[in-house]
Amino acid sequence: MAERLRDLSIFGRKTFFIAPNLAFIPDSYLQTYLSHGYECYAVKADASFPLEQKIKMIISLFPGSLLVFDTTSDVPGVDWKSLIQTTQQVHGSDVVISVIYSKKWTIAEKTHFKNFYNNVAKIEGGCIGLEPGAAKNFERLNRILVKNAACGRRKSVRVPCDESSSLAFSFQGQVYKGHLVDISISHFCGDIDVSGNSIPVFEKISGVSLVVNGMQFFSDAALILRRGDSETARCIFMFIQGKQGSPGLYEELEGKLSPQLYAMETAAYASKLKKAYSAM
């Protein structure tokens, strides 16, 4: 328990939007949340696997997660009240539940809804009203993420890269190459063949080539941490831009990298769940 609480304070909670209505929660929201340090995934209701079983598997694999149920979605065979109340009762401290309702409902409908989920089902994540296509939905959902500590202390999500991913750069006449281990919109990590050479920290390295699961781009960076003194060292870099070496990627590059990171993270999550489903 202590270890889980420590991890949640550092890394935050994984957030799963259950049967999200795209009119309320488009995929672009989840992609943007990822770039802000939130791990958010959509759990769609389809014929591949019963929604109730998907929820049980998610809680088993990722205890402490935040489940955001979109009760405005009409899912055949699903009684939202029964499913959510049972999930809360059975899993208790292993999950935090939030529920979405439509702001277009009547005052009486909203009052009844909130009373049931807050006082009967006793969810802890809160109720949130959304409107189809409303620009304010993004910020309303963001408040739920903040309230339920979905981010932790991190500023961005590090996404693992596949075996084909690489990085390469030239510094002071020496060429360095290696495997790109993981990447976020602010930092990246690689195992580099340093061959005994020393790369000074916080020195600008121009034109680093990065291949991220097949997508290549170039950016300036600075080494901030090195682990290991052998020929291959684990090195962590920070993206920098401009003559002053300001932290971060140029806006255009960030716009290209963010969708790639979201696709990678979503694919990894889907693969993990698929393996778990197959084992049942």
Protein backbone atom coordinates (compact mmCIF):
# COMPACT_ATOMS: atom_id res chain seq x y z
CA MET A 1 0.00 0.00 0.00
CA ALA A 2 2.78 2.46 0.94
CA GLU A 3 4.60 1.74 -2.31
CA ARG A 4 1.44 2.30 -4.35
CA LEU A 5 0.75 5.63 -2.63
CA ARG A 6 4.33 6.71 -3.30
CA ASP A 7 4.00 5.81 -6.98
CA LEU A 8 0.66 7.65 -7.26
CA SER A 9 2.16 10.79 -5.73
CA ILE A 10 5.01 10.72 -8.24
CA PHE A 11 3.44 9.35 -11.41
CA GLY A 12 -0.24 10.09 -10.83
CA ARG A 13 -3.17 7.85 -11.71
CA LYS A 14 -3.83 6.25 -15.05
CA THR A 15 -7.16 7.58 -16.26
CA PHE A 16 -9.63 5.51 -18.25
CA PHE A 17 -12.62 7.12 -19.93
CA ILE A 18 -15.28 4.40 -20.03
CA ALA A 19 -17.40 4.41 -23.22
CA PRO A 20 -16.62 8.06 -24.02
CA ASN A 21 -19.09 9.97 -26.15
CA LEU A 22 -16.98 11.63 -28.86
CA ALA A 23 -19.34 14.60 -28.84
CA PHE A 24 -18.11 15.28 -25.30
CA ILE A 25 -14.61 13.78 -25.31
CA PRO A 26 -12.85 13.71 -28.70
CA ASP A 27 -9.55 11.83 -29.04
CA SER A 28 -7.75 15.16 -29.37
CA TYR A 29 -8.49 15.82 -25.68
CA LEU A 30 -6.70 12.64 -24.60
CA GLN A 31 -3.74 13.44 -26.82
CA THR A 32 -3.41 16.91 -25.27
CA TYR A 33 -3.78 15.55 -21.73
CA LEU A 34 -0.90 13.13 -22.45
CA SER A 35 1.34 16.06 -23.43
CA HIS A 36 0.44 17.68 -20.08
CA GLY A 37 1.53 14.65 -18.07
CA TYR A 38 -1.75 12.71 -17.82
CA GLU A 39 -2.00 9.08 -18.98
CA CYS A 40 -5.52 8.98 -20.39
CA TYR A 41 -7.08 6.17 -22.38
CA ALA A 42 -10.45 5.52 -23.99
CA VAL A 43 -12.17 2.23 -23.17
CA LYS A 44 -14.68 1.70 -25.93
CA ALA A 45 -17.81 -0.40 -25.64
CA ASP A 46 -17.69 -2.97 -28.44
CA ALA A 47 -18.46 -6.60 -29.14
CA SER A 48 -14.86 -7.75 -28.65
CA PHE A 49 -15.17 -8.07 -24.87
CA PRO A 50 -17.90 -7.21 -22.31
CA LEU A 51 -17.43 -3.76 -20.81
CA GLU A 52 -17.76 -5.08 -17.27
CA GLN A 53 -14.90 -7.54 -17.85
CA LYS A 54 -12.74 -4.81 -19.37
CA ILE A 55 -13.23 -2.71 -16.22
CA LYS A 56 -12.30 -5.60 -13.93
CA MET A 57 -9.16 -6.25 -15.97
CA ILE A 58 -8.13 -2.59 -15.91
CA ILE A 59 -8.47 -2.40 -12.13
CA SER A 60 -6.49 -5.64 -11.78
CA LEU A 61 -3.67 -4.43 -14.03
CA PHE A 62 -3.65 -0.78 -12.90
CA PRO A 63 -4.85 -0.51 -9.25
CA GLY A 64 -5.49 3.03 -8.09
CA SER A 65 -6.67 4.16 -11.53
CA LEU A 66 -9.26 6.86 -12.16
CA LEU A 67 -12.29 5.57 -14.08
CA VAL A 68 -14.43 8.26 -15.72
CA PHE A 69 -17.77 6.75 -16.77
CA ASP A 70 -19.62 8.59 -19.50
CA THR A 71 -23.22 7.82 -18.57
CA THR A 72 -24.51 9.81 -21.56
CA SER A 73 -23.41 6.92 -23.80
CA ASP A 74 -26.10 4.39 -24.59
CA VAL A 75 -24.42 0.98 -24.37
CA PRO A 76 -26.69 -2.02 -25.05
CA GLY A 77 -27.01 -4.30 -22.04
CA VAL A 78 -25.29 -1.86 -19.64
CA ASP A 79 -27.11 -0.37 -16.64
CA TRP A 80 -24.78 2.45 -15.61
CA LYS A 81 -26.13 2.78 -12.07
CA SER A 82 -25.76 -0.92 -11.34
CA LEU A 83 -22.33 -1.22 -13.00
CA ILE A 84 -20.84 1.83 -11.31
CA GLN A 85 -22.26 1.11 -7.86
CA THR A 86 -21.08 -2.51 -8.02
CA THR A 87 -17.61 -1.45 -9.22
CA GLN A 88 -17.32 0.96 -6.29
CA GLN A 89 -18.54 -1.57 -3.74
CA VAL A 90 -16.40 -4.45 -4.97
CA HIS A 91 -13.14 -2.63 -5.66
CA GLY A 92 -13.28 0.16 -3.07
CA SER A 93 -9.82 1.67 -2.51
CA ASP A 94 -8.44 0.06 -5.68
CA VAL A 95 -10.24 2.57 -7.87
CA VAL A 96 -11.42 6.20 -8.00
CA ILE A 97 -14.64 6.74 -9.94
CA SER A 98 -15.97 9.88 -11.60
CA VAL A 99 -19.16 10.12 -13.68
CA ILE A 100 -20.24 12.34 -16.56
CA TYR A 101 -23.75 13.68 -17.09
CA SER A 102 -25.28 16.07 -19.61
CA LYS A 103 -25.61 19.70 -18.62
CA LYS A 104 -28.70 19.81 -20.83
CA TRP A 105 -30.61 17.66 -18.34
CA THR A 106 -33.26 19.29 -16.16
CA ILE A 107 -32.37 20.53 -12.67
CA ALA A 108 -34.38 17.66 -11.17
CA GLU A 109 -32.50 15.09 -13.29
CA LYS A 110 -29.12 16.53 -12.30
CA THR A 111 -30.05 16.62 -8.62
CA HIS A 112 -31.22 13.00 -8.66
CA PHE A 113 -28.08 11.94 -10.56
CA LYS A 114 -25.66 13.62 -8.16
CA ASN A 115 -27.52 12.37 -5.10
CA PHE A 116 -27.36 8.77 -6.29
CA TYR A 117 -23.68 8.71 -7.23
CA ASN A 118 -22.39 10.82 -4.35
CA ASN A 119 -24.61 9.54 -1.52
CA VAL A 120 -25.78 6.07 -2.59
CA ALA A 121 -23.01 4.69 -4.79
CA LYS A 122 -20.54 6.80 -2.78
CA ILE A 123 -18.07 7.49 -5.59
CA GLU A 124 -15.11 9.67 -4.66
CA GLY A 125 -14.12 11.22 -8.00
CA GLY A 126 -17.07 13.55 -8.41
CA CYS A 127 -19.77 14.25 -11.01
CA ILE A 128 -19.12 16.43 -14.03
CA GLY A 129 -21.56 17.97 -16.48
CA LEU A 130 -20.58 18.30 -20.15
CA GLU A 131 -22.22 19.69 -23.28
CA PRO A 132 -21.91 18.35 -26.84
CA GLY A 133 -19.20 20.26 -28.69
CA ALA A 134 -18.66 22.75 -25.86
CA ALA A 135 -15.21 24.34 -25.78
CA LYS A 136 -15.38 24.37 -21.97
CA ASN A 137 -15.51 20.58 -21.77
CA PHE A 138 -11.73 20.31 -21.96
CA GLU A 139 -11.21 22.48 -18.89
CA ARG A 140 -14.10 20.85 -17.00
CA LEU A 141 -12.51 17.44 -17.50
CA ASN A 142 -9.12 18.84 -16.61
CA ARG A 143 -10.46 19.95 -13.23
CA ILE A 144 -11.52 16.35 -12.54
CA LEU A 145 -8.02 15.13 -13.43
CA VAL A 146 -6.43 17.69 -11.15
CA LYS A 147 -8.86 17.02 -8.29
CA ASN A 148 -8.09 13.29 -8.40
CA ALA A 149 -4.29 13.66 -8.65
CA ALA A 150 -4.13 12.09 -12.10
CA CYS A 151 -0.84 13.80 -12.94
CA GLY A 152 1.30 13.39 -9.83
CA ARG A 153 4.54 15.37 -9.74
CA ARG A 154 5.61 14.69 -13.31
CA LYS A 155 5.24 17.27 -16.07
CA SER A 156 5.15 14.90 -19.06
CA VAL A 157 4.67 11.20 -19.77
CA ARG A 158 7.67 9.14 -20.85
CA VAL A 159 6.67 6.73 -23.60
CA PRO A 160 8.78 3.58 -24.25
CA CYS A 161 10.15 3.23 -27.79
CA ASP A 162 10.45 0.09 -29.91
CA GLU A 163 13.70 -1.66 -30.84
CA SER A 164 13.96 0.20 -34.15
CA SER A 165 14.09 3.61 -32.45
CA SER A 166 17.45 5.37 -32.41
CA LEU A 167 19.33 8.60 -31.83
CA ALA A 168 22.49 9.98 -33.34
CA PHE A 169 24.46 13.22 -33.09
CA SER A 170 27.88 14.74 -33.52
CA PHE A 171 29.60 16.59 -30.69
CA GLN A 172 33.12 18.05 -30.73
CA GLY A 173 34.07 15.97 -33.76
CA GLN A 174 32.83 12.68 -32.28
CA VAL A 175 29.80 10.82 -33.64
CA TYR A 176 27.51 9.17 -31.09
CA LYS A 177 24.79 6.63 -31.84
CA GLY A 178 22.48 4.53 -29.74
CA HIS A 179 19.06 3.09 -29.00
CA LEU A 180 16.27 5.49 -28.05
CA VAL A 181 14.75 3.99 -24.89
CA ASP A 182 11.90 6.39 -24.16
CA ILE A 183 10.74 9.90 -24.98
CA SER A 184 8.37 12.65 -23.88
CA ILE A 185 7.70 16.10 -25.29
CA SER A 186 10.37 17.51 -22.98
CA HIS A 187 13.04 14.80 -22.59
CA PHE A 188 14.39 11.62 -24.12
CA CYS A 189 16.56 8.77 -22.90
CA GLY A 190 18.98 6.57 -24.81
CA ASP A 191 21.66 3.91 -24.42
CA ILE A 192 24.64 5.41 -26.24
CA ASP A 193 28.01 4.05 -27.27
CA VAL A 194 30.26 6.63 -25.62
CA SER A 195 33.48 4.58 -25.88
CA GLY A 196 34.98 6.28 -22.85
CA ASN A 197 34.30 9.82 -24.12
CA SER A 198 32.85 12.47 -21.86
CA ILE A 199 29.90 14.61 -22.93
CA PRO A 200 29.54 17.65 -20.65
CA VAL A 201 26.12 18.21 -19.11
CA PHE A 202 24.02 21.22 -20.10
CA GLU A 203 26.05 21.85 -23.24
CA LYS A 204 24.04 22.45 -26.41
CA ILE A 205 24.10 19.56 -28.88
CA SER A 206 22.86 20.69 -32.27
CA GLY A 207 20.78 18.64 -34.68
CA VAL A 208 20.21 15.42 -32.76
CA SER A 209 18.56 12.87 -35.07
CA LEU A 210 15.78 10.88 -33.42
CA VAL A 211 13.83 8.00 -34.95
CA VAL A 212 10.75 7.39 -32.81
CA ASN A 213 8.95 4.19 -33.81
CA GLY A 214 9.59 5.02 -37.46
CA MET A 215 9.13 8.80 -37.32
CA GLN A 216 12.32 10.84 -37.73
CA PHE A 217 12.94 14.42 -36.69
CA PHE A 218 15.84 16.63 -35.61
CA SER A 219 16.16 18.83 -32.54
CA ASP A 220 18.77 20.50 -30.37
CA ALA A 221 19.24 18.99 -26.93
CA ALA A 222 21.41 19.01 -23.81
CA LEU A 223 22.63 16.08 -21.71
CA ILE A 224 21.31 16.37 -18.15
CA LEU A 225 22.20 12.98 -16.66
CA ARG A 226 24.47 10.06 -17.46
CA ARG A 227 24.44 6.65 -15.79
CA GLY A 228 27.26 4.19 -16.26
CA ASP A 229 30.93 4.54 -17.16
CA SER A 230 31.23 1.59 -19.55
CA GLU A 231 31.24 1.83 -23.33
CA THR A 232 27.44 2.04 -23.34
CA ALA A 233 25.88 4.60 -21.02
CA ARG A 234 22.25 5.45 -20.20
CA CYS A 235 21.91 9.15 -21.04
CA ILE A 236 18.98 11.48 -20.41
CA PHE A 237 18.61 14.58 -22.55
CA MET A 238 16.41 17.66 -22.45
CA PHE A 239 15.04 19.20 -25.63
CA ILE A 240 16.17 22.80 -26.10
CA GLN A 241 15.46 25.48 -28.69
CA GLY A 242 16.80 28.82 -29.87
CA LYS A 243 20.14 30.53 -29.32
CA GLN A 244 19.54 30.77 -25.59
CA GLY A 245 18.82 27.05 -25.27
CA SER A 246 15.36 27.45 -23.82
CA PRO A 247 13.81 24.16 -22.62
CA GLY A 248 11.34 22.41 -24.89
CA LEU A 249 10.60 21.68 -28.52
CA TYR A 250 9.64 24.18 -31.17
CA GLU A 251 5.86 24.33 -31.46
CA GLU A 252 5.88 22.74 -34.93
CA LEU A 253 7.96 19.79 -33.74
CA GLU A 254 5.83 19.32 -30.65
CA GLY A 255 2.76 19.28 -32.89
CA LYS A 256 4.28 16.40 -34.87
CA LEU A 257 5.59 14.43 -31.91
CA SER A 258 2.50 14.60 -29.68
CA PRO A 259 0.24 12.48 -31.98
CA GLN A 260 3.03 9.93 -32.36
CA LEU A 261 3.47 9.61 -28.59
CA TYR A 262 -0.28 9.25 -28.10
CA ALA A 263 -0.45 6.53 -30.75
CA MET A 264 2.49 4.68 -29.17
CA GLU A 265 1.10 4.89 -25.64
CA THR A 266 -2.39 3.83 -26.74
CA ALA A 267 -1.02 0.88 -28.73
CA ALA A 268 1.04 -0.30 -25.75
CA TYR A 269 -1.98 -0.10 -23.44
CA ALA A 270 -4.19 -1.94 -25.96
CA SER A 271 -1.58 -4.68 -26.38
CA LYS A 272 -1.33 -5.19 -22.61
CA LEU A 273 -5.10 -5.47 -22.25
CA LYS A 274 -5.38 -7.81 -25.24
CA LYS A 275 -2.86 -10.19 -23.69
CA ALA A 276 -4.77 -10.07 -20.41
CA TYR A 277 -8.08 -10.76 -22.17
CA SER A 278 -6.56 -13.72 -24.02
CA ALA A 279 -5.32 -15.20 -20.75
CA MET A 280 -8.79 -15.21 -19.18
